[in-house]
Amino acid sequence: MDKTYNLYPFIQSKRIYLREVRQSDVNETYYQWLNDPEINSYLETRFICRSMDNIAEYVKKMDSKENEPFFAICLNDNQEHIGNIKLGPINWHHRNADVSLFIGKKELWGKGYATEAIALITEFAFRKLHLNKLKAGCYAANLGSAKAFLKCGYQQEGLLRGQVIFDGQDMDVILLGMRAVDYWHSKQI
């Protein structure tokens, strides 16, 4: 399997497009997102205080990883960067990958942008990269994330009971997945 992929033209839908995360994205807005307790409440990155330097280093590191496409989610109408979505790490032998994302701009929460981004990365993974399976996990309290994946055709595949500690209490993690065969079947209906 050829592990190279072409990100151009942009991966685009009606309201958003995905492009590579750039060093120019490492700005005060991005910094605020990653340090806002409400935005990062369900992100594992919340345990590390983020600085402009370590954000820039992370973006640089991700840019060099061929098996972890890392995208900025941007609005079509004004090119505003509103969040990120990542595919990977990709296991090329088994042709599967994880999907993770966040919408940093709180005013856009609940408006379908995460669902749109998941649909775009799913199409990219199955059509361009020819992957066989995508998977994701979310805290049980993060109903918006679970609903976004379910709207895109992902199935709940499991529940890890008491997997994480959230606000001092144990919490379940919902496991979601989509197989290529199910993706292609949904496109024929």
Protein backbone atom coordinates (compact mmCIF):
# COMPACT_ATOMS: atom_id res chain seq x y z
CA MET A 1 0.00 0.00 0.00
CA ASP A 2 1.34 3.41 -0.96
CA LYS A 3 1.53 5.50 2.21
CA THR A 4 1.72 8.82 0.42
CA TYR A 5 -1.35 10.92 -0.13
CA ASN A 6 -2.05 14.19 -1.80
CA LEU A 7 -3.79 16.81 0.34
CA TYR A 8 -4.49 19.06 -2.62
CA PRO A 9 -6.99 20.14 -3.59
CA PHE A 10 -8.31 20.79 -0.10
CA ILE A 11 -10.71 18.32 1.40
CA GLN A 12 -13.87 20.37 1.30
CA SER A 13 -17.58 20.27 2.11
CA LYS A 14 -20.32 22.86 1.96
CA ARG A 15 -19.22 24.89 5.00
CA ILE A 16 -15.67 23.77 5.86
CA TYR A 17 -12.43 22.50 4.44
CA LEU A 18 -9.50 20.62 5.94
CA ARG A 19 -5.90 21.60 5.34
CA GLU A 20 -2.60 20.85 7.04
CA VAL A 21 -2.01 22.55 10.39
CA ARG A 22 0.67 25.20 9.86
CA GLN A 23 3.10 27.01 12.10
CA SER A 24 1.14 30.17 11.28
CA ASP A 25 -1.83 28.56 13.07
CA VAL A 26 0.13 28.63 16.32
CA ASN A 27 -1.22 31.92 17.58
CA GLU A 28 -2.99 33.40 20.59
CA THR A 29 -6.34 31.87 19.55
CA TYR A 30 -4.90 28.34 19.32
CA TYR A 31 -3.10 28.89 22.64
CA GLN A 32 -6.37 29.99 24.30
CA TRP A 33 -8.22 26.93 22.95
CA LEU A 34 -5.74 24.48 24.41
CA ASN A 35 -5.69 26.21 27.79
CA ASP A 36 -9.44 26.80 28.12
CA PRO A 37 -10.84 24.28 30.66
CA GLU A 38 -14.21 24.21 28.90
CA ILE A 39 -12.73 23.52 25.45
CA ASN A 40 -10.20 20.95 26.58
CA SER A 41 -12.36 19.29 29.27
CA TYR A 42 -12.57 16.03 27.28
CA LEU A 43 -9.09 16.19 25.70
CA GLU A 44 -6.18 14.25 27.15
CA THR A 45 -4.01 17.30 26.43
CA ARG A 46 -5.72 19.11 29.32
CA PHE A 47 -3.20 17.58 31.73
CA ILE A 48 -0.33 19.58 30.23
CA CYS A 49 -0.14 23.36 30.46
CA ARG A 50 0.34 24.51 26.88
CA SER A 51 2.75 27.26 25.84
CA MET A 52 3.21 28.79 22.42
CA ASP A 53 6.56 26.97 22.22
CA ASN A 54 5.24 23.49 22.98
CA ILE A 55 2.27 24.00 20.65
CA ALA A 56 4.67 25.03 17.86
CA GLU A 57 6.86 22.00 18.62
CA TYR A 58 3.82 19.68 18.49
CA VAL A 59 2.72 21.10 15.12
CA LYS A 60 6.25 20.66 13.78
CA LYS A 61 6.39 17.08 15.07
CA MET A 62 3.00 16.24 13.55
CA ASP A 63 4.04 17.72 10.20
CA SER A 64 6.82 15.14 9.96
CA LYS A 65 4.57 12.14 10.70
CA GLU A 66 3.45 10.40 7.53
CA ASN A 67 1.10 8.08 9.39
CA GLU A 68 -0.82 10.79 11.30
CA PRO A 69 -2.48 13.32 8.97
CA PHE A 70 -3.21 16.38 11.12
CA PHE A 71 -5.69 18.87 9.73
CA ALA A 72 -6.97 22.33 10.55
CA ILE A 73 -10.74 22.64 10.27
CA CYS A 74 -11.44 25.94 8.48
CA LEU A 75 -14.57 27.80 7.43
CA ASN A 76 -15.05 28.15 3.66
CA ASP A 77 -16.47 31.67 3.82
CA ASN A 78 -13.58 33.37 5.67
CA GLN A 79 -10.84 30.69 5.99
CA GLU A 80 -11.02 30.93 9.80
CA HIS A 81 -9.31 28.06 11.65
CA ILE A 82 -11.95 26.72 14.08
CA GLY A 83 -10.45 23.43 15.29
CA ASN A 84 -8.38 20.39 14.40
CA ILE A 85 -8.94 16.80 13.35
CA LYS A 86 -6.36 14.03 13.25
CA LEU A 87 -6.30 10.64 11.58
CA GLY A 88 -3.94 8.16 13.12
CA PRO A 89 -1.68 6.74 13.94
CA ILE A 90 -2.43 4.70 10.84
CA ASN A 91 -1.64 1.01 11.07
CA TRP A 92 -0.85 0.25 7.43
CA HIS A 93 -0.69 -3.50 7.98
CA HIS A 94 -4.23 -3.70 9.35
CA ARG A 95 -5.32 -0.54 7.48
CA ASN A 96 -6.96 1.13 10.46
CA ALA A 97 -6.65 4.44 12.27
CA ASP A 98 -8.06 6.52 15.08
CA VAL A 99 -9.98 9.75 14.53
CA SER A 100 -9.76 12.57 17.07
CA LEU A 101 -10.89 16.18 16.90
CA PHE A 102 -11.96 19.30 18.70
CA ILE A 103 -13.79 22.46 17.74
CA GLY A 104 -12.02 25.33 19.48
CA LYS A 105 -14.46 28.07 18.63
CA LYS A 106 -17.19 27.63 21.27
CA GLU A 107 -19.75 29.75 19.38
CA LEU A 108 -19.79 27.00 16.74
CA TRP A 109 -20.45 24.10 19.11
CA GLY A 110 -23.64 22.19 18.36
CA LYS A 111 -23.88 23.53 14.81
CA GLY A 112 -22.70 20.40 12.99
CA TYR A 113 -19.11 21.40 12.24
CA ALA A 114 -17.65 18.38 14.05
CA THR A 115 -20.01 16.10 12.13
CA GLU A 116 -18.94 17.71 8.86
CA ALA A 117 -15.24 17.34 9.73
CA ILE A 118 -15.72 13.68 10.69
CA ALA A 119 -17.53 13.03 7.39
CA LEU A 120 -14.64 14.63 5.46
CA ILE A 121 -11.89 12.71 7.25
CA THR A 122 -13.89 9.49 6.91
CA GLU A 123 -14.25 9.97 3.17
CA PHE A 124 -10.53 10.81 2.89
CA ALA A 125 -9.57 7.69 4.89
CA PHE A 126 -11.67 5.28 2.85
CA ARG A 127 -11.48 6.84 -0.64
CA LYS A 128 -7.92 8.20 -0.72
CA LEU A 129 -6.03 6.07 1.79
CA HIS A 130 -8.06 2.87 1.27
CA LEU A 131 -8.21 2.14 4.98
CA ASN A 132 -10.37 -0.70 6.25
CA LYS A 133 -11.49 0.64 9.64
CA LEU A 134 -11.73 3.89 11.59
CA LYS A 135 -12.21 4.11 15.32
CA ALA A 136 -12.76 6.77 17.93
CA GLY A 137 -13.37 7.06 21.62
CA CYS A 138 -15.03 9.71 23.73
CA TYR A 139 -15.88 10.30 27.36
CA ALA A 140 -19.45 9.21 28.09
CA ALA A 141 -20.33 12.76 29.20
CA ASN A 142 -19.21 14.14 25.84
CA LEU A 143 -22.54 13.43 24.16
CA GLY A 144 -21.89 15.95 21.37
CA SER A 145 -18.85 14.04 20.20
CA ALA A 146 -20.62 10.68 20.32
CA LYS A 147 -23.61 12.08 18.41
CA ALA A 148 -21.33 13.59 15.73
CA PHE A 149 -19.72 10.19 15.05
CA LEU A 150 -23.07 8.39 15.10
CA LYS A 151 -24.53 10.89 12.60
CA CYS A 152 -21.67 9.99 10.25
CA GLY A 153 -22.55 6.30 10.37
CA TYR A 154 -20.13 5.14 13.06
CA GLN A 155 -21.45 2.44 15.38
CA GLN A 156 -20.97 2.20 19.11
CA GLU A 157 -18.74 -0.84 19.42
CA GLY A 158 -18.06 -0.91 23.10
CA LEU A 159 -17.94 0.77 26.45
CA LEU A 160 -14.89 0.90 28.69
CA ARG A 161 -16.45 1.12 32.13
CA GLY A 162 -14.75 3.49 34.57
CA GLN A 163 -11.88 4.00 32.12
CA VAL A 164 -11.06 7.63 32.99
CA ILE A 165 -11.26 9.99 35.93
CA PHE A 166 -13.29 13.12 35.22
CA ASP A 167 -14.02 15.73 37.88
CA GLY A 168 -12.84 13.29 40.53
CA GLN A 169 -15.21 10.51 39.42
CA ASP A 170 -14.64 7.49 37.24
CA MET A 171 -16.29 7.73 33.84
CA ASP A 172 -16.92 5.37 30.96
CA VAL A 173 -15.38 5.79 27.52
CA ILE A 174 -17.57 5.09 24.49
CA LEU A 175 -15.83 3.24 21.65
CA LEU A 176 -17.06 3.97 18.13
CA GLY A 177 -16.04 2.56 14.79
CA MET A 178 -16.76 2.39 11.09
CA ARG A 179 -15.66 -0.28 8.65
CA ALA A 180 -14.95 0.47 5.01
CA VAL A 181 -17.55 -2.09 3.93
CA ASP A 182 -20.23 -0.22 5.90
CA TYR A 183 -19.08 3.12 4.51
CA TRP A 184 -19.29 1.87 0.91
CA HIS A 185 -22.65 0.19 1.55
CA SER A 186 -24.09 3.47 2.88
CA LYS A 187 -22.99 5.22 -0.33
CA GLN A 188 -25.00 2.75 -2.46
CA ILE A 189 -28.29 3.33 -0.66
